[in-house]
N, C-alpha and C. Protein backbone atom coordinates (compact mmCIF):
# COMPACT_ATOMS: atom_id res chain seq x y z
N MET A 1 -7.34 4.24 0.66
CA MET A 1 -7.24 2.91 0.06
C MET A 1 -6.04 1.91 0.45
N ALA A 2 -5.15 2.92 -0.13
CA ALA A 2 -3.90 1.76 0.18
C ALA A 2 -3.93 1.30 1.43
N LEU A 3 -3.67 2.75 2.31
CA LEU A 3 -2.80 2.37 3.95
C LEU A 3 -3.91 1.64 4.27
N TRP A 4 -5.21 1.94 4.24
CA TRP A 4 -6.06 0.59 4.70
C TRP A 4 -5.57 -0.84 4.57
N ALA A 5 -5.18 -0.83 2.85
CA ALA A 5 -4.55 -2.62 2.64
C ALA A 5 -3.43 -2.50 3.02
N ILE A 6 -2.74 -2.02 3.40
CA ILE A 6 -1.76 -2.14 4.18
C ILE A 6 -1.69 -2.25 5.30
N LEU A 7 -2.95 -1.71 5.82
CA LEU A 7 -2.85 -1.93 7.69
C LEU A 7 -3.48 -3.78 7.89
N ALA A 8 -4.08 -4.52 6.97
CA ALA A 8 -4.81 -5.09 6.59
C ALA A 8 -5.73 -5.29 7.61
N ALA A 9 -6.90 -4.26 6.94
CA ALA A 9 -7.61 -3.47 8.42
C ALA A 9 -8.96 -3.92 7.46
N PRO A 10 -10.28 -4.14 8.07
CA PRO A 10 -11.74 -4.09 7.35
C PRO A 10 -11.61 -2.93 7.60
N LEU A 11 -12.51 -2.87 6.11
CA LEU A 11 -13.01 -1.69 5.87
C LEU A 11 -14.71 -1.36 5.87
N PRO A 12 -14.76 -0.60 6.42
CA PRO A 12 -16.59 -0.21 6.70
C PRO A 12 -16.89 0.59 6.30
N MET A 13 -17.77 0.02 5.66
CA MET A 13 -18.29 1.23 4.63
C MET A 13 -20.44 1.31 4.65
N SER A 14 -20.30 3.07 4.77
CA SER A 14 -22.02 3.51 4.71
C SER A 14 -22.80 4.32 3.73
N VAL A 15 -22.32 3.31 2.96
CA VAL A 15 -22.74 3.85 1.81
C VAL A 15 -23.30 2.80 0.35
N ASP A 16 -24.24 3.44 -0.05
CA ASP A 16 -25.08 2.49 -1.10
C ASP A 16 -24.35 2.25 -2.26
N LEU A 17 -23.89 1.34 -2.84
CA LEU A 17 -23.00 0.80 -3.87
C LEU A 17 -23.70 1.19 -5.50
N ARG A 18 -24.90 1.20 -5.14
CA ARG A 18 -25.68 1.68 -6.36
C ARG A 18 -26.34 2.73 -6.02
N THR A 19 -26.21 3.08 -5.99
CA THR A 19 -25.95 5.43 -6.07
C THR A 19 -25.14 6.33 -6.09
N ILE A 20 -23.60 4.94 -5.63
CA ILE A 20 -22.08 6.18 -5.22
C ILE A 20 -22.00 6.83 -6.78
N ARG A 21 -20.96 6.98 -6.74
CA ARG A 21 -20.20 8.12 -7.55
C ARG A 21 -18.93 6.89 -8.66
N PRO A 22 -19.59 6.92 -10.00
CA PRO A 22 -18.50 5.80 -10.13
C PRO A 22 -17.35 5.23 -10.12
N GLU A 23 -16.44 7.06 -9.89
CA GLU A 23 -15.28 7.26 -9.79
C GLU A 23 -14.78 6.31 -8.36
N TYR A 24 -16.07 6.82 -7.25
CA TYR A 24 -15.54 6.37 -5.35
C TYR A 24 -15.83 4.83 -5.82
N LYS A 25 -17.11 3.81 -6.70
CA LYS A 25 -16.99 3.09 -6.55
C LYS A 25 -16.21 1.99 -7.20
N ALA A 26 -15.42 2.27 -7.93
CA ALA A 26 -14.90 1.78 -8.89
C ALA A 26 -13.19 2.29 -7.14
N ILE A 27 -13.20 3.13 -6.98
CA ILE A 27 -11.54 2.97 -6.01
C ILE A 27 -11.79 1.65 -5.17
N LEU A 28 -13.60 1.83 -4.16
CA LEU A 28 -14.37 0.96 -3.47
C LEU A 28 -13.64 -0.69 -4.13
N GLN A 29 -13.58 -0.78 -4.59
CA GLN A 29 -13.84 -2.45 -5.45
C GLN A 29 -12.82 -2.31 -6.64
N ASN A 30 -11.85 -2.23 -6.30
CA ASN A 30 -10.41 -2.57 -6.77
C ASN A 30 -9.66 -3.75 -6.10
N ARG A 31 -9.56 -4.51 -7.63
CA ARG A 31 -9.35 -5.73 -6.77
C ARG A 31 -7.94 -5.56 -6.16
N LYS A 32 -7.45 -5.07 -6.99
CA LYS A 32 -5.75 -4.90 -6.56
C LYS A 32 -5.94 -5.08 -5.44
N ILE A 33 -6.01 -4.06 -4.84
CA ILE A 33 -6.31 -2.95 -3.26
C ILE A 33 -6.52 -4.58 -2.20
N ILE A 34 -7.63 -5.18 -2.59
CA ILE A 34 -8.66 -5.99 -1.79
C ILE A 34 -7.99 -7.01 -1.83
N SER A 35 -7.02 -7.33 -2.54
CA SER A 35 -6.09 -8.75 -3.09
C SER A 35 -4.67 -8.23 -1.92
N VAL A 36 -4.58 -7.43 -1.65
CA VAL A 36 -3.45 -6.56 -1.07
C VAL A 36 -3.89 -7.35 0.49
N ASP A 37 -5.22 -6.00 0.73
CA ASP A 37 -5.64 -6.21 2.09
C ASP A 37 -6.19 -7.68 2.69
N GLN A 38 -6.70 -8.71 1.83
CA GLN A 38 -6.59 -10.11 1.86
C GLN A 38 -5.66 -11.37 2.05
N ASP A 39 -4.85 -10.48 1.60
CA ASP A 39 -3.24 -11.42 1.23
C ASP A 39 -3.24 -12.32 2.00
N PRO A 40 -2.75 -13.62 1.85
CA PRO A 40 -3.46 -15.08 2.64
C PRO A 40 -2.06 -14.68 3.69
N LEU A 41 -1.54 -14.49 3.76
CA LEU A 41 -0.06 -14.57 4.70
C LEU A 41 -0.54 -13.83 6.33
N GLY A 42 -1.52 -13.03 5.69
CA GLY A 42 -2.03 -11.77 6.69
C GLY A 42 -1.01 -10.87 7.67
N ILE A 43 0.14 -10.61 6.78
CA ILE A 43 1.30 -9.79 7.43
C ILE A 43 -0.01 -8.33 7.79
N GLN A 44 0.99 -7.34 8.70
CA GLN A 44 0.15 -6.34 9.21
C GLN A 44 1.77 -5.56 8.81
N GLY A 45 1.23 -4.19 7.46
CA GLY A 45 1.82 -3.85 6.74
C GLY A 45 2.81 -3.38 8.30
N ARG A 46 3.63 -1.75 7.75
CA ARG A 46 4.34 -1.08 8.92
C ARG A 46 5.02 0.16 8.67
N ARG A 47 5.33 1.73 9.05
CA ARG A 47 5.75 2.32 8.93
C ARG A 47 7.29 2.43 8.22
N ILE A 48 7.71 2.63 7.10
CA ILE A 48 9.27 1.98 6.61
C ILE A 48 10.41 3.18 6.45
N TYR A 49 9.16 4.11 6.95
CA TYR A 49 9.73 5.68 6.57
C TYR A 49 8.94 6.70 7.12
N LYS A 50 9.79 8.11 7.17
CA LYS A 50 9.03 9.16 8.03
C LYS A 50 9.54 9.87 7.42
N HIS A 51 9.40 11.31 6.81
CA HIS A 51 10.35 12.47 6.71
C HIS A 51 9.50 13.66 6.61
N LYS A 52 9.47 15.22 7.07
CA LYS A 52 9.00 16.16 6.58
C LYS A 52 7.43 15.99 6.13
N GLY A 53 6.74 14.95 6.47
CA GLY A 53 5.09 14.79 6.29
C GLY A 53 5.30 13.64 5.42
N ILE A 54 6.29 13.30 4.82
CA ILE A 54 6.21 11.86 3.91
C ILE A 54 6.05 10.32 4.85
N GLU A 55 5.80 9.64 4.46
CA GLU A 55 5.58 8.51 4.72
C GLU A 55 5.37 7.67 3.73
N ILE A 56 6.30 6.30 4.28
CA ILE A 56 6.07 5.12 3.48
C ILE A 56 5.85 3.68 4.46
N TRP A 57 4.71 3.47 3.44
CA TRP A 57 4.32 2.12 4.10
C TRP A 57 5.06 0.83 3.58
N SER A 58 5.04 -0.22 3.93
CA SER A 58 5.02 -2.25 3.46
C SER A 58 4.47 -2.98 3.94
N ARG A 59 3.92 -3.95 3.23
CA ARG A 59 3.52 -4.63 3.75
C ARG A 59 4.19 -6.07 2.90
N PRO A 60 4.44 -7.13 3.59
CA PRO A 60 5.07 -8.62 2.61
C PRO A 60 3.53 -8.95 1.99
N ILE A 61 3.30 -9.64 1.21
CA ILE A 61 2.09 -10.26 0.98
C ILE A 61 3.15 -11.71 -0.56
N THR A 62 2.19 -12.57 -0.91
CA THR A 62 2.17 -13.42 -1.50
C THR A 62 2.42 -12.74 -2.79
N PRO A 63 3.34 -13.53 -3.94
CA PRO A 63 3.35 -14.29 -3.80
C PRO A 63 5.14 -14.43 -3.47
N LEU A 64 6.37 -15.73 -2.41
CA LEU A 64 7.01 -15.82 -2.16
C LEU A 64 8.22 -16.11 -3.25
N TYR A 65 9.10 -15.96 -3.60
CA TYR A 65 10.15 -16.03 -5.23
C TYR A 65 11.28 -16.50 -4.13
N GLN A 66 11.81 -17.60 -4.45
CA GLN A 66 12.82 -17.69 -3.50
C GLN A 66 13.48 -17.22 -2.23
N ASN A 67 12.62 -17.45 -1.60
CA ASN A 67 12.06 -16.76 -0.08
C ASN A 67 12.62 -15.53 0.04
N TYR A 68 12.00 -14.81 -0.73
CA TYR A 68 11.75 -13.50 -0.81
C TYR A 68 9.90 -12.88 -1.12
N PHE A 69 9.95 -11.91 -0.36
CA PHE A 69 8.45 -11.76 -0.27
C PHE A 69 8.02 -11.20 -1.44
N SER A 70 7.24 -10.26 -2.16
CA SER A 70 6.63 -9.68 -2.28
C SER A 70 6.30 -8.38 -1.90
N TYR A 71 5.86 -7.46 -2.21
CA TYR A 71 5.62 -6.70 -1.15
C TYR A 71 4.91 -5.68 -1.85
N ALA A 72 3.65 -4.61 -1.01
CA ALA A 72 3.26 -4.11 -1.15
C ALA A 72 3.24 -2.45 -0.18
N ILE A 73 2.94 -1.64 -1.40
CA ILE A 73 3.96 -0.21 -1.13
C ILE A 73 3.41 0.98 -1.34
N GLY A 74 3.13 1.64 0.03
CA GLY A 74 1.77 2.49 -0.30
C GLY A 74 2.81 4.54 0.66
N PHE A 75 2.58 5.02 -0.52
CA PHE A 75 3.09 6.56 0.16
C PHE A 75 1.90 7.40 0.72
N VAL A 76 1.95 8.08 1.49
CA VAL A 76 1.53 9.21 2.32
C VAL A 76 1.96 10.47 2.82
N ASN A 77 1.12 11.29 2.18
CA ASN A 77 1.80 12.67 1.90
C ASN A 77 0.72 13.18 3.35
N ARG A 78 1.55 13.78 4.51
CA ARG A 78 0.46 14.29 5.81
C ARG A 78 0.80 15.53 5.19
N ARG A 79 1.68 16.28 4.59
CA ARG A 79 1.49 17.27 4.88
C ARG A 79 0.19 18.40 4.43
N THR A 80 0.41 19.56 5.06
CA THR A 80 -0.78 20.48 5.13
C THR A 80 -1.03 21.55 4.24
N ASP A 81 0.16 21.51 3.24
CA ASP A 81 0.31 22.90 2.41
C ASP A 81 -0.23 22.75 0.78
N GLY A 82 -0.61 21.60 1.25
CA GLY A 82 -1.41 20.90 -0.58
C GLY A 82 -0.14 20.75 -1.18
N THR A 83 1.03 21.20 -1.18
CA THR A 83 2.56 20.94 -1.90
C THR A 83 2.42 19.16 -2.53
N PRO A 84 3.16 18.97 -3.74
CA PRO A 84 3.44 17.48 -4.14
C PRO A 84 5.11 17.46 -3.23
N SER A 85 5.52 16.59 -3.36
CA SER A 85 6.38 16.26 -2.29
C SER A 85 6.56 15.24 -3.44
N ASP A 86 8.35 15.29 -3.67
CA ASP A 86 9.11 14.24 -4.07
C ASP A 86 10.20 13.50 -2.85
N VAL A 87 10.47 12.11 -3.69
CA VAL A 87 10.94 11.68 -2.33
C VAL A 87 11.27 10.98 -2.93
N ALA A 88 12.84 10.47 -2.40
CA ALA A 88 13.93 9.70 -2.99
C ALA A 88 14.57 9.08 -1.92
N VAL A 89 14.91 7.65 -2.46
CA VAL A 89 15.54 6.50 -1.02
C VAL A 89 15.20 5.35 -2.12
N THR A 90 16.68 4.01 -2.18
CA THR A 90 16.79 3.24 -2.50
C THR A 90 15.21 2.30 -1.80
N LEU A 91 15.74 1.39 -2.73
CA LEU A 91 15.06 0.07 -2.19
C LEU A 91 15.97 -0.55 -0.79
N LYS A 92 16.79 -0.45 -1.19
CA LYS A 92 17.82 -1.61 0.15
C LYS A 92 16.91 -0.40 1.53
N GLU A 93 16.89 0.57 0.86
CA GLU A 93 16.75 2.00 2.56
C GLU A 93 14.42 1.09 2.76
N LEU A 94 14.12 0.99 1.42
CA LEU A 94 13.36 0.28 2.45
C LEU A 94 13.12 -1.50 2.32
N GLY A 95 14.63 -1.80 2.53
CA GLY A 95 14.36 -2.96 2.81
C GLY A 95 14.20 -4.12 1.67
N LEU A 96 14.00 -3.87 0.99
CA LEU A 96 14.29 -4.51 0.20
C LEU A 96 15.03 -5.10 -1.05
N THR A 97 15.88 -5.93 -0.27
CA THR A 97 16.40 -7.30 -0.90
C THR A 97 16.91 -8.06 -1.74
N SER A 98 15.25 -8.35 -2.62
CA SER A 98 16.05 -9.07 -3.49
C SER A 98 17.03 -8.96 -4.61
N PRO A 99 18.10 -10.00 -4.59
CA PRO A 99 18.88 -9.73 -5.68
C PRO A 99 18.61 -9.82 -7.12
N THR A 100 16.82 -10.25 -7.45
CA THR A 100 16.34 -10.46 -8.57
C THR A 100 15.71 -8.93 -9.00
N GLY A 101 15.27 -8.74 -7.85
CA GLY A 101 14.78 -7.49 -8.21
C GLY A 101 13.36 -7.84 -7.79
N TYR A 102 12.73 -6.83 -8.10
CA TYR A 102 11.25 -6.52 -8.34
C TYR A 102 10.44 -5.67 -9.42
N ARG A 103 9.27 -6.32 -9.30
CA ARG A 103 8.11 -6.30 -10.36
C ARG A 103 7.25 -4.70 -10.15
N VAL A 104 7.25 -3.81 -10.36
CA VAL A 104 6.23 -2.54 -9.86
C VAL A 104 5.18 -2.50 -10.87
N GLU A 105 3.62 -2.43 -10.70
CA GLU A 105 2.41 -2.90 -10.59
C GLU A 105 2.02 -1.16 -10.60
């Protein structure tokens, strides 16, 4: 869902929301994710990091603060061995340069 929202793509569903398991319904109806996908700026996200099967995707979203965008950031593990991965990157490496910092939700 995170990558779908960052790409600003439509989400076709072929499921009856009246009968879907509650945990899946909660994911599909997550208002924060939907708000990222439908952000009024309409700017599609892009991959900003790729290393050893780990990708980081970023999308500028509202609100703007002192001419700096807010960002939706998504981490994608494309490894096929099933093991978790540690990722260490700086905000600057991700192109996040606001001198006032960022709030993480």
